[in-house]
Amino acid sequence: MAGIAKLKKDELKLVAEEIGLAVTESMKKSEIRRLIEESEVFINDHETVQDAIDQVLEEKKKNQKSDQIELERLKLERIKVKLQLAQLKANNIEISFDHGRKNETEESMEVLIKSVRALTIKVPSKSEDWGFFFTSLESAYSTKKVPEKFKADILLNLLGERASNILTYITENDLNNYEEIKSIVLREFDPTAQAVLENFRNASKENETHMQFASRLTTSSEYYLKLRGVTDFETLKQLMVSDKLFQTLDRETAAHINVRQNEKWFKPVELGKECDLYFTSRVSSLYLGRFEAYGPIFFERSPVSSSTCKEIKTPQLNHRAVLVHHHHPHHY
């Protein structure tokens, strides 16, 4: 349906509620979208769903000019105050970045943010690049030996305007919790394992050295394996086989498998079984439709005498078949 693929998580949630579906706070963007697409309303009444989408988008435009903008502005101001307080503290106390050697270096919060920013890639525009962003950010934290208490403030500063999209989900207590903010960012922008894999397969060298490109590929592959839960060599082998098998599927079968495996992935034997069951179901449905249209049909290899049958060409299919007369013993 036009428009649903471009909706953000909060917009999908409002659409779902508008058409009478229950959505929990813990649900990811992909889960909410699947809930909508598998609902009876979506299947049977596209017009109602489209009206709900249009209404949500219209309401959001209005809200952006009123209370929601004001709320986000106040939250951003609160973060600025926290950063200013942290900077004042940093200017008046010694910050040891070597954990054991005192008085080695002193940096203000502003200088610390700039130094981390220089070692971190830009905030990504594609959902599948967030893993690489956090890898580079945490590498910068490690290089600069950033104290845990400053990590959340630096992350919010780097996010800039994007921070306003996630502030709705952050409680007062979590503003200083880097891991919680990171978790909310990943849930909000929802990088799926399949998207990360496709990004890895389609990656090309950009304005970077070959060493930097190799590093980016390594980070992308490691993030994909993390999303798939790969921790040992045996699981890695199974994932490689499953990915290759999945890559050979036609679009309709691949879509069916994606729904069946949800956020997980089928190991080779499971995936093969699911594909065979789906193909069997499709063939049965196809044969039933032809049976109702033409009567019992046997392919050319069927041992039927030419005197008891005649050749026909079915309009829906490209293969030749024979139509059995009603008195033939193979008829059923």
Protein backbone atom coordinates (compact mmCIF):
# COMPACT_ATOMS: atom_id res chain seq x y z
CA MET A 1 0.00 0.00 0.00
CA ALA A 2 1.31 3.43 -0.93
CA GLY A 3 2.81 5.29 2.00
CA ILE A 4 3.00 2.60 4.67
CA ALA A 5 6.62 1.69 3.89
CA LYS A 6 7.71 5.29 4.53
CA LEU A 7 6.01 5.68 7.91
CA LYS A 8 8.11 6.01 11.04
CA LYS A 9 7.55 3.88 14.10
CA ASP A 10 5.39 6.40 15.95
CA GLU A 11 3.30 6.96 12.81
CA LEU A 12 2.78 3.22 12.30
CA LYS A 13 1.69 2.97 15.92
CA LEU A 14 -0.94 5.67 15.44
CA VAL A 15 -2.20 4.03 12.24
CA ALA A 16 -2.50 0.68 14.01
CA GLU A 17 -4.44 2.25 16.87
CA GLU A 18 -6.63 4.14 14.39
CA ILE A 19 -7.78 0.88 12.76
CA GLY A 20 -8.35 -0.83 16.12
CA LEU A 21 -5.12 -2.77 16.66
CA ALA A 22 -3.34 -3.07 20.01
CA VAL A 23 0.32 -1.96 20.03
CA THR A 24 2.73 -2.33 22.96
CA GLU A 25 5.66 -0.02 23.74
CA SER A 26 8.16 -2.86 23.32
CA MET A 27 7.15 -3.59 19.71
CA LYS A 28 9.65 -2.72 16.99
CA LYS A 29 8.83 -0.80 13.84
CA SER A 30 8.89 -3.97 11.73
CA GLU A 31 6.56 -5.75 14.17
CA ILE A 32 4.01 -2.92 14.08
CA ARG A 33 4.10 -2.84 10.29
CA ARG A 34 3.61 -6.61 10.09
CA LEU A 35 0.71 -6.36 12.57
CA ILE A 36 -1.00 -3.87 10.25
CA GLU A 37 -0.31 -5.81 7.04
CA GLU A 38 -1.62 -9.07 8.49
CA SER A 39 -4.79 -7.52 9.95
CA GLU A 40 -8.23 -8.18 8.47
CA VAL A 41 -8.75 -4.46 7.91
CA PHE A 42 -5.60 -4.19 5.78
CA ILE A 43 -6.47 -7.29 3.75
CA ASN A 44 -10.15 -6.51 3.20
CA ASP A 45 -10.42 -2.72 3.36
CA HIS A 46 -7.40 -0.89 1.94
CA GLU A 47 -9.35 2.35 1.72
CA THR A 48 -9.90 2.48 5.48
CA VAL A 49 -6.20 1.89 6.15
CA GLN A 50 -5.18 4.55 3.62
CA ASP A 51 -7.59 7.02 5.25
CA ALA A 52 -5.98 6.25 8.62
CA ILE A 53 -2.51 6.85 7.16
CA ASP A 54 -3.56 10.17 5.63
CA GLN A 55 -5.18 11.27 8.88
CA VAL A 56 -2.10 10.39 10.96
CA LEU A 57 0.22 12.27 8.59
CA GLU A 58 -2.07 15.30 8.62
CA GLU A 59 -2.29 15.30 12.41
CA LYS A 60 1.46 15.02 12.69
CA LYS A 61 1.93 18.10 10.51
CA LYS A 62 -0.34 20.04 12.83
CA ASN A 63 1.37 18.75 15.95
CA GLN A 64 4.76 19.77 14.61
CA LYS A 65 3.54 23.35 14.69
CA SER A 66 2.15 23.23 18.22
CA ASP A 67 2.57 21.25 21.43
CA GLN A 68 4.92 18.53 20.18
CA ILE A 69 7.49 21.04 18.90
CA GLU A 70 7.34 22.91 22.18
CA LEU A 71 7.79 19.72 24.19
CA GLU A 72 10.80 18.67 22.16
CA ARG A 73 12.27 22.17 22.41
CA LEU A 74 12.03 22.06 26.19
CA LYS A 75 13.68 18.67 26.29
CA LEU A 76 16.50 19.88 24.07
CA GLU A 77 16.95 22.87 26.33
CA ARG A 78 17.20 20.52 29.30
CA ILE A 79 19.94 18.59 27.53
CA LYS A 80 21.80 21.82 26.77
CA VAL A 81 21.66 22.73 30.46
CA LYS A 82 23.03 19.31 31.38
CA LEU A 83 25.85 19.72 28.86
CA GLN A 84 26.66 23.17 30.21
CA LEU A 85 26.76 21.83 33.77
CA ALA A 86 28.99 18.98 32.65
CA GLN A 87 31.28 21.48 30.91
CA LEU A 88 31.53 23.60 34.04
CA LYS A 89 32.42 20.53 36.05
CA ALA A 90 34.98 19.49 33.46
CA ASN A 91 36.60 22.93 33.59
CA ASN A 92 36.94 22.82 37.36
CA ILE A 93 38.07 19.25 38.02
CA GLU A 94 40.76 17.06 36.59
CA ILE A 95 39.57 14.30 34.26
CA SER A 96 41.99 11.43 34.06
CA PHE A 97 41.76 9.61 30.72
CA ASP A 98 44.36 7.02 31.65
CA HIS A 99 42.63 5.44 34.66
CA GLY A 100 45.55 5.26 37.06
CA ARG A 101 47.69 8.23 36.19
CA LYS A 102 46.35 11.46 37.68
CA ASN A 103 46.84 14.98 36.41
CA GLU A 104 47.87 13.72 32.96
CA THR A 105 45.36 15.70 30.90
CA GLU A 106 42.44 18.08 31.34
CA GLU A 107 39.81 18.66 28.68
CA SER A 108 36.58 20.57 28.71
CA MET A 109 33.37 18.85 27.68
CA GLU A 110 33.34 20.82 24.44
CA VAL A 111 36.84 19.69 23.49
CA LEU A 112 35.95 16.13 24.43
CA ILE A 113 32.89 16.18 22.17
CA LYS A 114 34.94 17.57 19.27
CA SER A 115 37.64 14.94 19.68
CA VAL A 116 35.10 12.11 19.72
CA ARG A 117 33.24 13.58 16.74
CA ALA A 118 36.48 13.63 14.73
CA LEU A 119 36.91 9.87 15.27
CA THR A 120 33.29 8.93 14.57
CA ILE A 121 31.47 8.59 11.24
CA LYS A 122 28.57 10.93 10.53
CA VAL A 123 25.13 10.12 11.90
CA PRO A 124 23.78 7.69 9.28
CA SER A 125 20.81 8.31 7.00
CA LYS A 126 20.22 4.57 6.37
CA SER A 127 18.94 2.30 9.11
CA GLU A 128 21.43 -0.47 8.28
CA ASP A 129 24.40 1.88 8.94
CA TRP A 130 23.64 2.46 12.63
CA GLY A 131 25.67 -0.56 13.69
CA PHE A 132 28.76 0.89 12.00
CA PHE A 133 28.06 4.27 13.62
CA PHE A 134 27.99 2.84 17.14
CA THR A 135 31.08 0.74 16.47
CA SER A 136 33.05 3.83 15.44
CA LEU A 137 31.61 5.84 18.35
CA GLU A 138 32.56 3.24 20.94
CA SER A 139 35.99 2.93 19.36
CA ALA A 140 36.38 6.70 19.82
CA TYR A 141 35.23 6.40 23.44
CA SER A 142 37.87 3.74 23.99
CA THR A 143 40.62 5.74 22.26
CA LYS A 144 39.84 8.87 24.26
CA LYS A 145 39.11 6.86 27.43
CA VAL A 146 35.84 8.73 27.90
CA PRO A 147 34.34 8.26 31.38
CA GLU A 148 31.01 6.41 31.42
CA LYS A 149 29.18 9.41 32.88
CA PHE A 150 29.86 11.51 29.75
CA LYS A 151 28.96 8.94 27.08
CA ALA A 152 25.22 9.61 27.03
CA ASP A 153 25.67 13.39 26.80
CA ILE A 154 28.15 13.04 23.93
CA LEU A 155 25.83 10.67 22.04
CA LEU A 156 22.88 13.07 22.35
CA ASN A 157 25.10 15.92 21.19
CA LEU A 158 26.22 13.96 18.11
CA LEU A 159 22.63 13.03 17.26
CA GLY A 160 21.68 16.71 17.11
CA GLU A 161 18.22 17.15 15.57
CA ARG A 162 17.76 13.39 15.45
CA ALA A 163 17.71 13.40 19.24
CA SER A 164 14.26 14.99 19.13
CA ASN A 165 12.88 11.82 17.50
CA ILE A 166 13.82 9.64 20.46
CA LEU A 167 13.37 12.01 23.40
CA THR A 168 9.76 10.91 23.67
CA TYR A 169 10.94 7.46 24.73
CA ILE A 170 13.64 8.61 27.18
CA THR A 171 12.82 8.99 30.86
CA GLU A 172 14.55 11.45 33.18
CA ASN A 173 16.59 8.65 34.74
CA ASP A 174 17.77 7.35 31.35
CA LEU A 175 19.24 10.64 30.14
CA ASN A 176 22.58 9.61 31.68
CA ASN A 177 22.37 5.97 30.59
CA TYR A 178 24.34 5.50 27.35
CA GLU A 179 23.33 1.86 26.81
CA GLU A 180 19.63 2.68 27.23
CA ILE A 181 19.79 5.59 24.78
CA LYS A 182 21.70 3.40 22.30
CA SER A 183 19.03 0.71 22.65
CA ILE A 184 16.24 3.23 22.00
CA VAL A 185 18.04 4.60 18.92
CA LEU A 186 18.44 1.10 17.46
CA ARG A 187 14.79 0.27 18.16
CA GLU A 188 13.59 3.54 16.64
CA PHE A 189 15.55 3.28 13.40
CA ASP A 190 15.20 -0.52 13.38
CA PRO A 191 18.10 -1.89 11.30
CA THR A 192 16.92 -5.38 10.29
CA ALA A 193 19.38 -8.21 9.79
CA GLN A 194 18.27 -8.61 6.16
CA ALA A 195 18.86 -4.90 5.49
CA VAL A 196 22.35 -5.14 6.99
CA LEU A 197 23.10 -8.18 4.82
CA GLU A 198 21.89 -6.46 1.65
CA ASN A 199 23.94 -3.39 2.53
CA PHE A 200 27.02 -5.62 2.93
CA ARG A 201 26.41 -7.34 -0.41
CA ASN A 202 25.85 -4.07 -2.26
CA ALA A 203 28.68 -2.14 -0.59
CA SER A 204 31.13 -0.34 -2.86
CA LYS A 205 34.22 1.73 -2.24
CA GLU A 206 33.37 5.39 -1.83
CA ASN A 207 35.58 8.34 -0.88
CA GLU A 208 37.88 6.20 1.23
CA THR A 209 41.05 4.16 1.09
CA HIS A 210 40.92 0.42 0.50
CA MET A 211 41.92 -0.10 4.14
CA GLN A 212 38.99 2.02 5.29
CA PHE A 213 36.67 0.15 2.93
CA ALA A 214 37.93 -3.18 4.30
CA SER A 215 37.33 -1.92 7.84
CA ARG A 216 33.78 -0.86 6.95
CA LEU A 217 33.05 -4.25 5.40
CA THR A 218 34.43 -6.00 8.47
CA THR A 219 32.28 -3.93 10.81
CA SER A 220 29.18 -4.50 8.68
CA SER A 221 29.70 -8.28 8.60
CA GLU A 222 30.35 -8.42 12.35
CA TYR A 223 27.19 -6.44 13.04
CA TYR A 224 25.17 -8.76 10.81
CA LEU A 225 26.49 -11.82 12.65
CA LYS A 226 25.64 -10.15 15.95
CA LEU A 227 22.05 -9.53 14.81
CA ARG A 228 21.80 -13.18 13.72
CA GLY A 229 23.18 -14.40 17.05
CA VAL A 230 26.20 -16.17 15.54
CA THR A 231 28.76 -17.05 18.22
CA ASP A 232 30.46 -20.19 16.87
CA PHE A 233 31.79 -21.62 13.62
CA GLU A 234 29.07 -24.25 13.22
CA THR A 235 26.31 -21.63 13.40
CA LEU A 236 28.24 -19.46 10.94
CA LYS A 237 28.32 -22.33 8.41
CA GLN A 238 24.58 -22.88 8.77
CA LEU A 239 23.86 -19.18 8.33
CA MET A 240 25.95 -19.06 5.13
CA VAL A 241 23.99 -21.99 3.67
CA SER A 242 20.62 -20.52 4.71
CA ASP A 243 21.49 -17.11 3.26
CA LYS A 244 22.51 -18.71 -0.04
CA LEU A 245 19.32 -20.78 -0.19
CA PHE A 246 17.19 -17.74 0.66
CA GLN A 247 18.95 -15.76 -2.08
CA THR A 248 17.74 -18.27 -4.72
CA LEU A 249 14.05 -17.97 -3.78
CA ASP A 250 11.54 -16.13 -5.92
CA ARG A 251 10.00 -12.97 -4.48
CA GLU A 252 6.73 -14.58 -3.40
CA THR A 253 8.43 -17.46 -1.58
CA ALA A 254 10.97 -15.13 0.02
CA ALA A 255 8.16 -12.93 1.34
CA HIS A 256 6.43 -16.00 2.80
CA ILE A 257 9.64 -17.16 4.49
CA ASN A 258 10.26 -13.69 5.92
CA VAL A 259 6.86 -13.75 7.60
CA ARG A 260 7.40 -17.29 8.90
CA GLN A 261 10.83 -16.70 10.41
CA ASN A 262 9.99 -13.26 11.80
CA GLU A 263 13.07 -11.73 13.51
CA LYS A 264 14.84 -15.11 13.67
CA TRP A 265 16.28 -17.21 10.83
CA PHE A 266 15.74 -20.78 9.71
CA LYS A 267 18.68 -23.15 9.68
CA PRO A 268 19.24 -24.97 6.35
CA VAL A 269 17.10 -28.04 7.10
CA GLU A 270 14.29 -25.92 8.56
CA LEU A 271 14.42 -23.49 5.64
CA GLY A 272 14.35 -26.30 3.10
CA LYS A 273 11.35 -27.86 4.82
CA GLU A 274 9.47 -24.55 4.92
CA CYS A 275 10.16 -23.96 1.21
CA ASP A 276 9.01 -27.48 0.25
CA LEU A 277 5.80 -27.11 2.25
CA TYR A 278 5.09 -23.78 0.60
CA PHE A 279 5.81 -25.10 -2.90
CA THR A 280 3.58 -28.12 -2.25
CA SER A 281 0.78 -25.82 -1.13
CA ARG A 282 1.18 -23.67 -4.25
CA VAL A 283 1.19 -26.66 -6.62
CA SER A 284 -1.90 -28.12 -4.94
CA SER A 285 -3.73 -24.82 -5.31
CA LEU A 286 -2.66 -24.59 -8.96
CA TYR A 287 -3.79 -28.14 -9.78
CA LEU A 288 -7.12 -27.63 -8.01
CA GLY A 289 -7.80 -24.55 -10.10
CA ARG A 290 -6.99 -26.39 -13.34
CA PHE A 291 -9.05 -29.42 -12.26
CA GLU A 292 -12.10 -27.22 -11.74
CA ALA A 293 -11.56 -25.56 -15.13
CA TYR A 294 -10.64 -28.54 -17.35
CA GLY A 295 -11.32 -31.78 -15.49
CA PRO A 296 -8.64 -34.40 -14.69
CA ILE A 297 -5.36 -33.53 -16.45
CA PHE A 298 -2.27 -35.71 -16.91
CA PHE A 299 1.08 -34.52 -18.21
CA GLU A 300 2.52 -36.08 -21.38
CA ARG A 301 4.62 -38.57 -19.46
CA SER A 302 1.42 -40.16 -18.06
CA PRO A 303 0.94 -43.65 -19.62
CA VAL A 304 -2.31 -42.82 -21.38
CA SER A 305 -3.19 -44.21 -24.83
CA SER A 306 -3.59 -41.71 -27.63
CA SER A 307 -6.83 -43.44 -28.55
CA THR A 308 -8.43 -42.55 -25.25
CA CYS A 309 -7.27 -38.97 -24.87
CA LYS A 310 -6.54 -35.86 -26.81
CA GLU A 311 -3.88 -33.22 -26.45
CA ILE A 312 -4.81 -29.77 -25.21
CA LYS A 313 -2.88 -26.63 -24.38
CA THR A 314 -3.94 -24.90 -21.20
CA PRO A 315 -4.27 -21.11 -21.54
CA GLN A 316 -2.74 -20.39 -18.13
CA LEU A 317 0.32 -22.64 -18.45
CA ASN A 318 3.03 -23.11 -21.05
CA HIS A 319 3.24 -26.93 -20.86
CA ARG A 320 1.22 -29.46 -22.88
CA ALA A 321 -1.23 -31.83 -21.25
CA VAL A 322 -3.76 -34.50 -22.16
CA LEU A 323 -7.42 -34.52 -21.23
CA VAL A 324 -8.66 -37.98 -20.22
CA HIS A 325 -12.08 -39.15 -21.44
CA HIS A 326 -14.48 -39.95 -18.64
CA HIS A 327 -14.42 -43.72 -19.38
CA HIS A 328 -10.63 -44.02 -18.95
CA PRO A 329 -9.55 -46.15 -15.92
CA HIS A 330 -7.16 -43.40 -14.72
CA HIS A 331 -10.01 -40.95 -14.36
CA TYR A 332 -11.02 -40.03 -10.85
